[in-house]
Structures are given as C-alpha cells and as structure tokens.
C-alpha cells in the first residue's frame, strides 16, 4: 500500500530528526527499530448532547514513542 509506505517513510524521517535533536547519530533510533512498526488506531468521541454535564472520559494510556494526532474543530485533546 502506498499510504503505508509513505507513513513509514515519515516515521523514519521523524526518528532521524529526533535522534539529531538529542545529539545522537541520525540513524540511532531507527537502528533500535523504533520506526519498524506501523500501528493505526482510530478513536471517535461523539459530541455530548449536553456539554454542561460532561465529566470526562476514561483514562487513555499511549504506549507509543511518537503519536501524531489529527485534532478536529471540536478541540479538547
């Protein structure tokens, strides 16, 4: 899939930049295998019909090294 290849390429590039920002060899994190996994998760939180009654949602733990989040117009993330 072309999309998967593009996302993996983006991951390798981000890890190269992060390695350099940390003062490491550009290939350091990629050599550790940090960019070898592609995981796509989708979370949908529908708008609350009574927003003044919102108390929150369940805890979410992100176990990834880097998460790229697409924020919608509702905000709050």
N, C-alpha and C. Protein backbone atom coordinates (compact mmCIF):
# COMPACT_ATOMS: atom_id res chain seq x y z
N UNK A 1 0.84 -1.18 0.00
CA UNK A 1 0.00 0.00 0.00
C UNK A 1 0.88 1.24 0.00
N UNK A 2 0.58 2.13 -0.88
CA UNK A 2 1.36 3.36 -0.99
C UNK A 2 1.26 4.21 0.28
N UNK A 3 0.08 4.28 0.88
CA UNK A 3 -0.09 5.07 2.10
C UNK A 3 0.82 4.55 3.21
N UNK A 4 0.85 3.25 3.39
CA UNK A 4 1.69 2.65 4.44
C UNK A 4 3.15 2.98 4.22
N UNK A 5 3.60 2.90 2.98
CA UNK A 5 5.00 3.21 2.68
C UNK A 5 5.31 4.67 3.00
N UNK A 6 4.37 5.55 2.67
CA UNK A 6 4.57 6.98 2.95
C UNK A 6 4.63 7.25 4.45
N UNK A 7 3.77 6.58 5.22
CA UNK A 7 3.75 6.78 6.67
C UNK A 7 5.03 6.23 7.29
N UNK A 8 5.49 5.07 6.83
CA UNK A 8 6.74 4.51 7.34
C UNK A 8 7.92 5.42 7.02
N UNK A 9 7.93 5.99 5.82
CA UNK A 9 8.98 6.93 5.45
C UNK A 9 8.95 8.15 6.37
N UNK A 10 7.75 8.65 6.65
CA UNK A 10 7.61 9.77 7.58
C UNK A 10 8.16 9.40 8.95
N UNK A 11 7.85 8.19 9.42
CA UNK A 11 8.34 7.73 10.71
C UNK A 11 9.86 7.69 10.76
N UNK A 12 10.48 7.12 9.73
CA UNK A 12 11.94 7.07 9.69
C UNK A 12 12.53 8.48 9.72
N UNK A 13 11.92 9.39 8.96
CA UNK A 13 12.41 10.77 8.93
C UNK A 13 12.27 11.44 10.29
N UNK A 14 11.12 11.26 10.94
CA UNK A 14 10.92 11.85 12.27
C UNK A 14 11.91 11.31 13.28
N UNK A 15 12.20 10.01 13.23
CA UNK A 15 13.16 9.44 14.17
C UNK A 15 14.59 9.90 13.87
N UNK A 16 14.90 10.15 12.61
CA UNK A 16 16.21 10.72 12.28
C UNK A 16 16.33 12.12 12.87
N UNK A 17 15.29 12.93 12.70
CA UNK A 17 15.31 14.30 13.23
C UNK A 17 15.35 14.30 14.75
N UNK A 18 14.60 13.40 15.37
CA UNK A 18 14.61 13.31 16.83
C UNK A 18 15.98 12.87 17.35
N UNK A 19 16.60 11.92 16.66
CA UNK A 19 17.94 11.49 17.05
C UNK A 19 18.92 12.65 16.99
N UNK A 20 18.87 13.41 15.91
CA UNK A 20 19.76 14.56 15.76
C UNK A 20 19.49 15.60 16.84
N UNK A 21 18.21 15.85 17.15
CA UNK A 21 17.87 16.83 18.18
C UNK A 21 18.39 16.41 19.55
N UNK A 22 18.53 15.10 19.76
CA UNK A 22 19.06 14.59 21.02
C UNK A 22 20.59 14.50 21.02
N UNK A 23 21.20 14.94 19.91
CA UNK A 23 22.66 14.91 19.81
C UNK A 23 23.21 13.54 19.48
N UNK A 24 22.38 12.69 18.92
CA UNK A 24 22.79 11.32 18.57
C UNK A 24 23.03 11.21 17.07
N UNK A 25 23.60 10.10 16.67
CA UNK A 25 23.74 9.78 15.25
C UNK A 25 22.33 9.75 14.65
N UNK A 26 22.13 10.32 13.45
CA UNK A 26 20.79 10.37 12.86
C UNK A 26 20.10 9.01 12.75
N UNK A 27 20.85 7.94 12.62
CA UNK A 27 20.24 6.62 12.47
C UNK A 27 20.03 5.90 13.80
N UNK A 28 20.36 6.54 14.92
CA UNK A 28 20.35 5.87 16.22
C UNK A 28 19.00 5.22 16.55
N UNK A 29 17.93 6.00 16.56
CA UNK A 29 16.62 5.45 16.92
C UNK A 29 16.11 4.46 15.88
N UNK A 30 16.38 4.72 14.61
CA UNK A 30 15.96 3.77 13.58
C UNK A 30 16.72 2.46 13.71
N UNK A 31 17.99 2.52 14.09
CA UNK A 31 18.78 1.30 14.29
C UNK A 31 18.24 0.48 15.46
N UNK A 32 17.61 1.13 16.42
CA UNK A 32 16.98 0.42 17.54
C UNK A 32 15.66 -0.23 17.14
N UNK A 33 15.17 0.11 15.96
CA UNK A 33 13.91 -0.46 15.48
C UNK A 33 12.69 0.35 15.85
N UNK A 34 12.90 1.59 16.26
CA UNK A 34 11.77 2.42 16.70
C UNK A 34 10.74 2.67 15.61
N UNK A 35 11.16 2.68 14.36
CA UNK A 35 10.23 3.02 13.27
C UNK A 35 9.79 1.79 12.48
N UNK A 36 10.01 0.61 13.00
CA UNK A 36 9.70 -0.60 12.25
C UNK A 36 8.25 -1.06 12.36
N UNK A 37 7.46 -0.39 13.15
CA UNK A 37 6.07 -0.81 13.36
C UNK A 37 5.13 0.29 12.93
N UNK A 38 4.11 -0.09 12.23
CA UNK A 38 3.07 0.85 11.82
C UNK A 38 1.78 0.42 12.50
N UNK A 39 1.24 1.28 13.32
CA UNK A 39 0.01 0.99 14.04
C UNK A 39 -0.94 2.16 13.85
N UNK A 40 -2.10 1.86 13.35
CA UNK A 40 -3.11 2.89 13.14
C UNK A 40 -4.29 2.60 14.06
N UNK A 41 -4.61 3.56 14.88
CA UNK A 41 -5.76 3.42 15.77
C UNK A 41 -6.69 4.59 15.53
N UNK A 42 -7.94 4.33 15.57
CA UNK A 42 -8.92 5.39 15.43
C UNK A 42 -9.80 5.46 16.67
N UNK A 43 -9.92 6.63 17.22
CA UNK A 43 -10.78 6.86 18.37
C UNK A 43 -11.79 7.92 17.97
N UNK A 44 -13.04 7.64 18.23
CA UNK A 44 -14.09 8.60 17.92
C UNK A 44 -14.84 8.93 19.20
N UNK A 45 -14.90 10.19 19.51
CA UNK A 45 -15.63 10.65 20.68
C UNK A 45 -16.76 11.55 20.18
N UNK A 46 -17.98 11.03 20.13
CA UNK A 46 -19.08 11.85 19.62
C UNK A 46 -19.35 13.04 20.52
N UNK A 47 -19.86 14.12 19.94
CA UNK A 47 -20.18 15.30 20.75
C UNK A 47 -21.23 14.95 21.80
N UNK A 48 -21.10 15.53 22.95
CA UNK A 48 -22.06 15.30 24.04
C UNK A 48 -23.30 16.15 23.77
N UNK A 49 -24.48 15.54 23.86
CA UNK A 49 -25.70 16.32 23.62
C UNK A 49 -25.95 17.37 24.72
N UNK A 50 -25.34 17.19 25.89
CA UNK A 50 -25.47 18.16 26.98
C UNK A 50 -24.08 18.48 27.52
N UNK A 51 -23.32 19.34 26.82
CA UNK A 51 -21.92 19.58 27.17
C UNK A 51 -21.70 20.11 28.59
N UNK A 52 -22.68 20.76 29.17
CA UNK A 52 -22.51 21.28 30.53
C UNK A 52 -22.48 20.16 31.57
N UNK A 53 -22.89 18.96 31.17
CA UNK A 53 -22.90 17.83 32.09
C UNK A 53 -21.67 16.93 31.94
N UNK A 54 -20.74 17.33 31.06
CA UNK A 54 -19.56 16.50 30.79
C UNK A 54 -18.70 16.38 32.04
N UNK A 55 -18.32 15.15 32.36
CA UNK A 55 -17.44 14.89 33.49
C UNK A 55 -16.09 14.36 33.02
N UNK A 56 -15.97 14.00 31.76
CA UNK A 56 -14.72 13.47 31.23
C UNK A 56 -14.93 12.10 30.61
N UNK A 57 -13.86 11.45 30.29
CA UNK A 57 -13.90 10.13 29.68
C UNK A 57 -12.93 9.23 30.41
N UNK A 58 -12.89 7.97 30.05
CA UNK A 58 -11.99 7.04 30.71
C UNK A 58 -10.54 7.39 30.41
N UNK A 59 -9.63 6.93 31.25
CA UNK A 59 -8.20 7.17 31.05
C UNK A 59 -7.73 6.50 29.78
N UNK A 60 -6.77 7.13 29.13
CA UNK A 60 -6.16 6.57 27.93
C UNK A 60 -4.66 6.63 28.10
N UNK A 61 -4.01 5.51 27.93
CA UNK A 61 -2.56 5.46 28.05
C UNK A 61 -1.96 5.20 26.67
N UNK A 62 -1.09 6.09 26.26
CA UNK A 62 -0.44 5.96 24.96
C UNK A 62 0.88 5.25 25.14
N UNK A 63 1.00 4.06 24.59
CA UNK A 63 2.22 3.27 24.76
C UNK A 63 3.19 3.44 23.60
N UNK A 64 2.92 4.37 22.72
CA UNK A 64 3.78 4.60 21.56
C UNK A 64 4.90 5.57 21.91
N UNK A 65 5.91 5.58 21.07
CA UNK A 65 7.01 6.53 21.24
C UNK A 65 6.58 7.90 20.73
N UNK A 66 5.98 7.92 19.56
CA UNK A 66 5.50 9.17 18.97
C UNK A 66 4.07 8.95 18.50
N UNK A 67 3.22 9.90 18.80
CA UNK A 67 1.84 9.86 18.33
C UNK A 67 1.59 11.12 17.52
N UNK A 68 1.02 10.94 16.34
CA UNK A 68 0.62 12.08 15.52
C UNK A 68 -0.90 12.14 15.62
N UNK A 69 -1.39 13.25 16.13
CA UNK A 69 -2.81 13.40 16.42
C UNK A 69 -3.43 14.40 15.47
N UNK A 70 -4.52 14.01 14.85
CA UNK A 70 -5.28 14.92 14.00
C UNK A 70 -6.43 15.47 14.82
N UNK A 71 -6.34 16.73 15.18
CA UNK A 71 -7.36 17.39 16.00
C UNK A 71 -8.49 17.89 15.12
N UNK A 72 -9.72 17.68 15.56
CA UNK A 72 -10.85 18.22 14.80
C UNK A 72 -11.23 19.61 15.31
N UNK A 73 -12.30 20.17 14.76
CA UNK A 73 -12.70 21.53 15.12
C UNK A 73 -13.31 21.62 16.52
N UNK A 74 -13.62 20.48 17.14
CA UNK A 74 -14.22 20.50 18.48
C UNK A 74 -13.18 20.84 19.55
N UNK A 75 -11.92 20.47 19.33
CA UNK A 75 -10.87 20.75 20.30
C UNK A 75 -10.97 19.85 21.51
N UNK A 76 -10.13 20.12 22.49
CA UNK A 76 -10.20 19.40 23.75
C UNK A 76 -9.22 18.26 23.90
N UNK A 77 -8.44 17.96 22.90
CA UNK A 77 -7.46 16.88 23.03
C UNK A 77 -6.08 17.43 23.24
